[in-house]
Amino acid sequence: MMFANKIKFLREQKQMPQRQIAAVLEIDTATYCKIERGERRARKEQVIFLEGLFGIEKDGLLNLWLAEQIYSVIKDEDNAEKVLDIVHENIIEYKSVI
């Protein structure tokens, strides 16, 4: 729950109620609460909006959000580290081509 913990921390630091964040995201408070508890995933557009709202550097929250999505897929796999190595190698190869 890296992402969920971070947005809760940032919201509390700014002393903003959950209902206020939910309103600017155009979702109901219950949905935002679930995102903050890690029971529901935020959409990419919402993450980018939250970066601006909280004054976080570009991709700061987005990187956590993406990492959490990857983690949720491979966390129970015995070979998770090997899979991440393969992904990393492929990303490097892809970037060298473009």
N, C-alpha and C. Protein backbone atom coordinates (compact mmCIF):
# COMPACT_ATOMS: atom_id res chain seq x y z
N MET A 1 0.82 -1.20 0.00
CA MET A 1 0.00 0.00 0.00
C MET A 1 0.87 1.26 0.00
N MET A 2 1.91 1.23 -0.78
CA MET A 2 2.81 2.38 -0.85
C MET A 2 2.07 3.64 -1.29
N PHE A 3 1.29 3.52 -2.34
CA PHE A 3 0.57 4.66 -2.89
C PHE A 3 -0.49 5.15 -1.91
N ALA A 4 -1.28 4.24 -1.38
CA ALA A 4 -2.36 4.61 -0.46
C ALA A 4 -1.81 5.32 0.77
N ASN A 5 -0.75 4.79 1.34
CA ASN A 5 -0.14 5.41 2.53
C ASN A 5 0.38 6.81 2.21
N LYS A 6 0.96 6.96 1.03
CA LYS A 6 1.53 8.25 0.64
C LYS A 6 0.44 9.31 0.47
N ILE A 7 -0.65 8.97 -0.22
CA ILE A 7 -1.69 9.99 -0.42
C ILE A 7 -2.39 10.33 0.90
N LYS A 8 -2.52 9.37 1.78
CA LYS A 8 -3.10 9.67 3.10
C LYS A 8 -2.18 10.63 3.86
N PHE A 9 -0.89 10.33 3.84
CA PHE A 9 0.09 11.20 4.51
C PHE A 9 0.04 12.61 3.94
N LEU A 10 0.04 12.72 2.61
CA LEU A 10 0.02 14.03 1.96
C LEU A 10 -1.26 14.80 2.27
N ARG A 11 -2.39 14.08 2.26
CA ARG A 11 -3.66 14.72 2.57
C ARG A 11 -3.68 15.25 4.00
N GLU A 12 -3.20 14.43 4.93
CA GLU A 12 -3.17 14.85 6.33
C GLU A 12 -2.20 16.01 6.53
N GLN A 13 -1.09 15.98 5.82
CA GLN A 13 -0.10 17.05 5.91
C GLN A 13 -0.70 18.38 5.44
N LYS A 14 -1.53 18.33 4.41
CA LYS A 14 -2.20 19.53 3.89
C LYS A 14 -3.47 19.87 4.67
N GLN A 15 -3.82 19.00 5.64
CA GLN A 15 -5.01 19.17 6.47
C GLN A 15 -6.27 19.32 5.61
N MET A 16 -6.39 18.41 4.64
CA MET A 16 -7.55 18.41 3.74
C MET A 16 -8.44 17.23 4.09
N PRO A 17 -9.72 17.45 4.21
CA PRO A 17 -10.62 16.31 4.46
C PRO A 17 -10.76 15.43 3.22
N GLN A 18 -11.06 14.18 3.45
CA GLN A 18 -11.22 13.24 2.34
C GLN A 18 -12.31 13.71 1.38
N ARG A 19 -13.38 14.27 1.90
CA ARG A 19 -14.48 14.72 1.04
C ARG A 19 -14.05 15.81 0.07
N GLN A 20 -13.09 16.63 0.48
CA GLN A 20 -12.59 17.70 -0.40
C GLN A 20 -11.80 17.09 -1.57
N ILE A 21 -10.96 16.12 -1.28
CA ILE A 21 -10.18 15.47 -2.34
C ILE A 21 -11.14 14.72 -3.27
N ALA A 22 -12.09 14.02 -2.69
CA ALA A 22 -13.07 13.29 -3.50
C ALA A 22 -13.80 14.24 -4.44
N ALA A 23 -14.17 15.40 -3.94
CA ALA A 23 -14.91 16.37 -4.76
C ALA A 23 -14.08 16.83 -5.95
N VAL A 24 -12.81 17.13 -5.74
CA VAL A 24 -11.99 17.60 -6.86
C VAL A 24 -11.68 16.47 -7.84
N LEU A 25 -11.69 15.23 -7.36
CA LEU A 25 -11.50 14.08 -8.25
C LEU A 25 -12.81 13.67 -8.93
N GLU A 26 -13.90 14.30 -8.50
CA GLU A 26 -15.24 14.01 -9.01
C GLU A 26 -15.64 12.56 -8.78
N ILE A 27 -15.35 12.10 -7.55
CA ILE A 27 -15.80 10.77 -7.10
C ILE A 27 -16.43 10.96 -5.72
N ASP A 28 -17.17 9.96 -5.27
CA ASP A 28 -17.77 10.11 -3.94
C ASP A 28 -16.72 9.84 -2.86
N THR A 29 -17.00 10.32 -1.68
CA THR A 29 -16.05 10.21 -0.57
C THR A 29 -15.75 8.75 -0.24
N ALA A 30 -16.75 7.88 -0.30
CA ALA A 30 -16.52 6.46 0.00
C ALA A 30 -15.51 5.85 -0.96
N THR A 31 -15.59 6.22 -2.22
CA THR A 31 -14.64 5.70 -3.21
C THR A 31 -13.23 6.20 -2.92
N TYR A 32 -13.11 7.48 -2.60
CA TYR A 32 -11.79 8.01 -2.26
C TYR A 32 -11.23 7.31 -1.01
N CYS A 33 -12.08 7.10 -0.02
CA CYS A 33 -11.64 6.42 1.20
C CYS A 33 -11.09 5.03 0.88
N LYS A 34 -11.74 4.32 -0.04
CA LYS A 34 -11.26 3.00 -0.45
C LYS A 34 -9.91 3.09 -1.14
N ILE A 35 -9.71 4.12 -1.94
CA ILE A 35 -8.42 4.31 -2.60
C ILE A 35 -7.35 4.55 -1.54
N GLU A 36 -7.67 5.38 -0.57
CA GLU A 36 -6.71 5.72 0.48
C GLU A 36 -6.40 4.53 1.39
N ARG A 37 -7.34 3.61 1.52
CA ARG A 37 -7.10 2.39 2.33
C ARG A 37 -6.48 1.27 1.50
N GLY A 38 -6.33 1.48 0.21
CA GLY A 38 -5.75 0.46 -0.65
C GLY A 38 -6.73 -0.61 -1.07
N GLU A 39 -8.01 -0.36 -0.89
CA GLU A 39 -9.05 -1.33 -1.25
C GLU A 39 -9.52 -1.15 -2.69
N ARG A 40 -9.13 -0.05 -3.28
CA ARG A 40 -9.50 0.24 -4.67
C ARG A 40 -8.35 1.00 -5.31
N ARG A 41 -8.15 0.79 -6.59
CA ARG A 41 -7.05 1.46 -7.28
C ARG A 41 -7.53 2.77 -7.90
N ALA A 42 -6.69 3.76 -7.78
CA ALA A 42 -6.95 5.03 -8.45
C ALA A 42 -6.67 4.85 -9.94
N ARG A 43 -7.29 5.68 -10.75
CA ARG A 43 -6.99 5.70 -12.18
C ARG A 43 -5.77 6.58 -12.41
N LYS A 44 -5.08 6.32 -13.48
CA LYS A 44 -3.85 7.07 -13.80
C LYS A 44 -4.12 8.58 -13.82
N GLU A 45 -5.22 8.98 -14.42
CA GLU A 45 -5.54 10.40 -14.50
C GLU A 45 -5.70 11.01 -13.11
N GLN A 46 -6.28 10.24 -12.20
CA GLN A 46 -6.46 10.71 -10.83
C GLN A 46 -5.11 10.87 -10.14
N VAL A 47 -4.21 9.95 -10.39
CA VAL A 47 -2.88 10.01 -9.78
C VAL A 47 -2.15 11.27 -10.25
N ILE A 48 -2.21 11.53 -11.54
CA ILE A 48 -1.55 12.71 -12.10
C ILE A 48 -2.17 13.98 -11.50
N PHE A 49 -3.48 14.00 -11.34
CA PHE A 49 -4.16 15.15 -10.75
C PHE A 49 -3.71 15.34 -9.29
N LEU A 50 -3.60 14.24 -8.55
CA LEU A 50 -3.18 14.32 -7.15
C LEU A 50 -1.75 14.86 -7.02
N GLU A 51 -0.89 14.52 -7.97
CA GLU A 51 0.47 15.08 -7.94
C GLU A 51 0.41 16.60 -7.95
N GLY A 52 -0.43 17.15 -8.83
CA GLY A 52 -0.57 18.60 -8.90
C GLY A 52 -1.22 19.18 -7.65
N LEU A 53 -2.24 18.51 -7.17
CA LEU A 53 -2.96 18.98 -5.99
C LEU A 53 -2.05 19.03 -4.76
N PHE A 54 -1.22 18.02 -4.60
CA PHE A 54 -0.34 17.95 -3.43
C PHE A 54 1.02 18.62 -3.68
N GLY A 55 1.25 19.10 -4.89
CA GLY A 55 2.53 19.76 -5.19
C GLY A 55 3.70 18.79 -5.23
N ILE A 56 3.45 17.60 -5.72
CA ILE A 56 4.49 16.57 -5.81
C ILE A 56 5.14 16.65 -7.18
N GLU A 57 6.45 16.39 -7.23
CA GLU A 57 7.15 16.42 -8.51
C GLU A 57 6.51 15.43 -9.49
N LYS A 58 6.62 15.76 -10.78
CA LYS A 58 6.04 14.93 -11.83
C LYS A 58 6.52 13.50 -11.68
N ASP A 59 5.60 12.59 -11.75
CA ASP A 59 5.82 11.13 -11.67
C ASP A 59 6.16 10.62 -10.27
N GLY A 60 6.18 11.49 -9.27
CA GLY A 60 6.47 11.04 -7.91
C GLY A 60 5.42 10.05 -7.41
N LEU A 61 4.16 10.43 -7.50
CA LEU A 61 3.08 9.52 -7.11
C LEU A 61 2.84 8.46 -8.18
N LEU A 62 3.01 8.85 -9.43
CA LEU A 62 2.77 7.91 -10.52
C LEU A 62 3.72 6.72 -10.44
N ASN A 63 4.96 6.95 -10.08
CA ASN A 63 5.91 5.84 -9.93
C ASN A 63 5.48 4.89 -8.82
N LEU A 64 5.02 5.43 -7.71
CA LEU A 64 4.52 4.58 -6.62
C LEU A 64 3.30 3.78 -7.07
N TRP A 65 2.41 4.44 -7.77
CA TRP A 65 1.19 3.80 -8.26
C TRP A 65 1.52 2.65 -9.20
N LEU A 66 2.44 2.90 -10.14
CA LEU A 66 2.84 1.85 -11.08
C LEU A 66 3.55 0.70 -10.36
N ALA A 67 4.44 1.04 -9.44
CA ALA A 67 5.16 0.02 -8.68
C ALA A 67 4.19 -0.86 -7.90
N GLU A 68 3.18 -0.25 -7.33
CA GLU A 68 2.20 -1.02 -6.57
C GLU A 68 1.39 -1.95 -7.47
N GLN A 69 1.10 -1.51 -8.68
CA GLN A 69 0.38 -2.38 -9.61
C GLN A 69 1.23 -3.58 -10.00
N ILE A 70 2.49 -3.34 -10.28
CA ILE A 70 3.39 -4.45 -10.62
C ILE A 70 3.52 -5.39 -9.44
N TYR A 71 3.71 -4.83 -8.26
CA TYR A 71 3.84 -5.64 -7.05
C TYR A 71 2.63 -6.54 -6.84
N SER A 72 1.44 -5.99 -7.05
CA SER A 72 0.23 -6.78 -6.81
C SER A 72 0.14 -7.98 -7.75
N VAL A 73 0.75 -7.87 -8.93
CA VAL A 73 0.71 -8.96 -9.90
C VAL A 73 1.72 -10.06 -9.55
N ILE A 74 2.92 -9.67 -9.09
CA ILE A 74 3.98 -10.67 -8.93
C ILE A 74 4.36 -11.00 -7.48
N LYS A 75 3.72 -10.38 -6.52
CA LYS A 75 4.14 -10.53 -5.12
C LYS A 75 4.18 -11.97 -4.62
N ASP A 76 3.31 -12.81 -5.10
CA ASP A 76 3.25 -14.18 -4.60
C ASP A 76 4.07 -15.17 -5.43
N GLU A 77 4.75 -14.67 -6.43
CA GLU A 77 5.54 -15.54 -7.30
C GLU A 77 6.92 -15.79 -6.69
N ASP A 78 7.36 -17.02 -6.73
CA ASP A 78 8.68 -17.36 -6.19
C ASP A 78 9.80 -16.70 -6.98
N ASN A 79 9.56 -16.47 -8.26
CA ASN A 79 10.60 -15.93 -9.13
C ASN A 79 10.38 -14.43 -9.43
N ALA A 80 9.78 -13.71 -8.51
CA ALA A 80 9.45 -12.31 -8.73
C ALA A 80 10.68 -11.47 -9.08
N GLU A 81 11.78 -11.70 -8.40
CA GLU A 81 12.98 -10.91 -8.66
C GLU A 81 13.51 -11.18 -10.07
N LYS A 82 13.48 -12.42 -10.49
CA LYS A 82 13.93 -12.78 -11.83
C LYS A 82 13.03 -12.12 -12.88
N VAL A 83 11.73 -12.14 -12.63
CA VAL A 83 10.79 -11.50 -13.56
C VAL A 83 11.09 -10.01 -13.67
N LEU A 84 11.34 -9.36 -12.56
CA LEU A 84 11.67 -7.93 -12.60
C LEU A 84 12.97 -7.68 -13.35
N ASP A 85 13.93 -8.58 -13.19
CA ASP A 85 15.19 -8.46 -13.94
C ASP A 85 14.94 -8.53 -15.44
N ILE A 86 14.09 -9.46 -15.85
CA ILE A 86 13.76 -9.62 -17.26
C ILE A 86 13.07 -8.37 -17.80
N VAL A 87 12.13 -7.87 -17.03
CA VAL A 87 11.43 -6.64 -17.44
C VAL A 87 12.44 -5.49 -17.57
N HIS A 88 13.31 -5.36 -16.60
CA HIS A 88 14.31 -4.30 -16.62
C HIS A 88 15.20 -4.42 -17.86
N GLU A 89 15.67 -5.61 -18.15
CA GLU A 89 16.50 -5.83 -19.33
C GLU A 89 15.76 -5.44 -20.61
N ASN A 90 14.49 -5.81 -20.70
CA ASN A 90 13.70 -5.49 -21.88
C ASN A 90 13.46 -3.99 -22.02
N ILE A 91 13.27 -3.31 -20.93
CA ILE A 91 13.10 -1.86 -20.98
C ILE A 91 14.38 -1.20 -21.49
N ILE A 92 15.52 -1.65 -21.00
CA ILE A 92 16.80 -1.10 -21.44
C ILE A 92 16.98 -1.35 -22.95
N GLU A 93 16.69 -2.56 -23.40
CA GLU A 93 16.81 -2.88 -24.83
C GLU A 93 15.87 -2.01 -25.65
N TYR A 94 14.65 -1.86 -25.20
CA TYR A 94 13.66 -1.06 -25.92
C TYR A 94 14.11 0.39 -26.05
N LYS A 95 14.61 0.94 -24.95
CA LYS A 95 15.04 2.34 -24.96
C LYS A 95 16.26 2.55 -25.85
N SER A 96 17.10 1.54 -25.98
CA SER A 96 18.28 1.70 -26.84
C SER A 96 17.91 1.67 -28.32
N VAL A 97 16.74 1.13 -28.65
CA VAL A 97 16.28 1.04 -30.03
C VAL A 97 15.68 2.38 -30.47
N ILE A 98 14.99 3.06 -29.54
CA ILE A 98 14.32 4.32 -29.93
C ILE A 98 15.18 5.52 -29.73
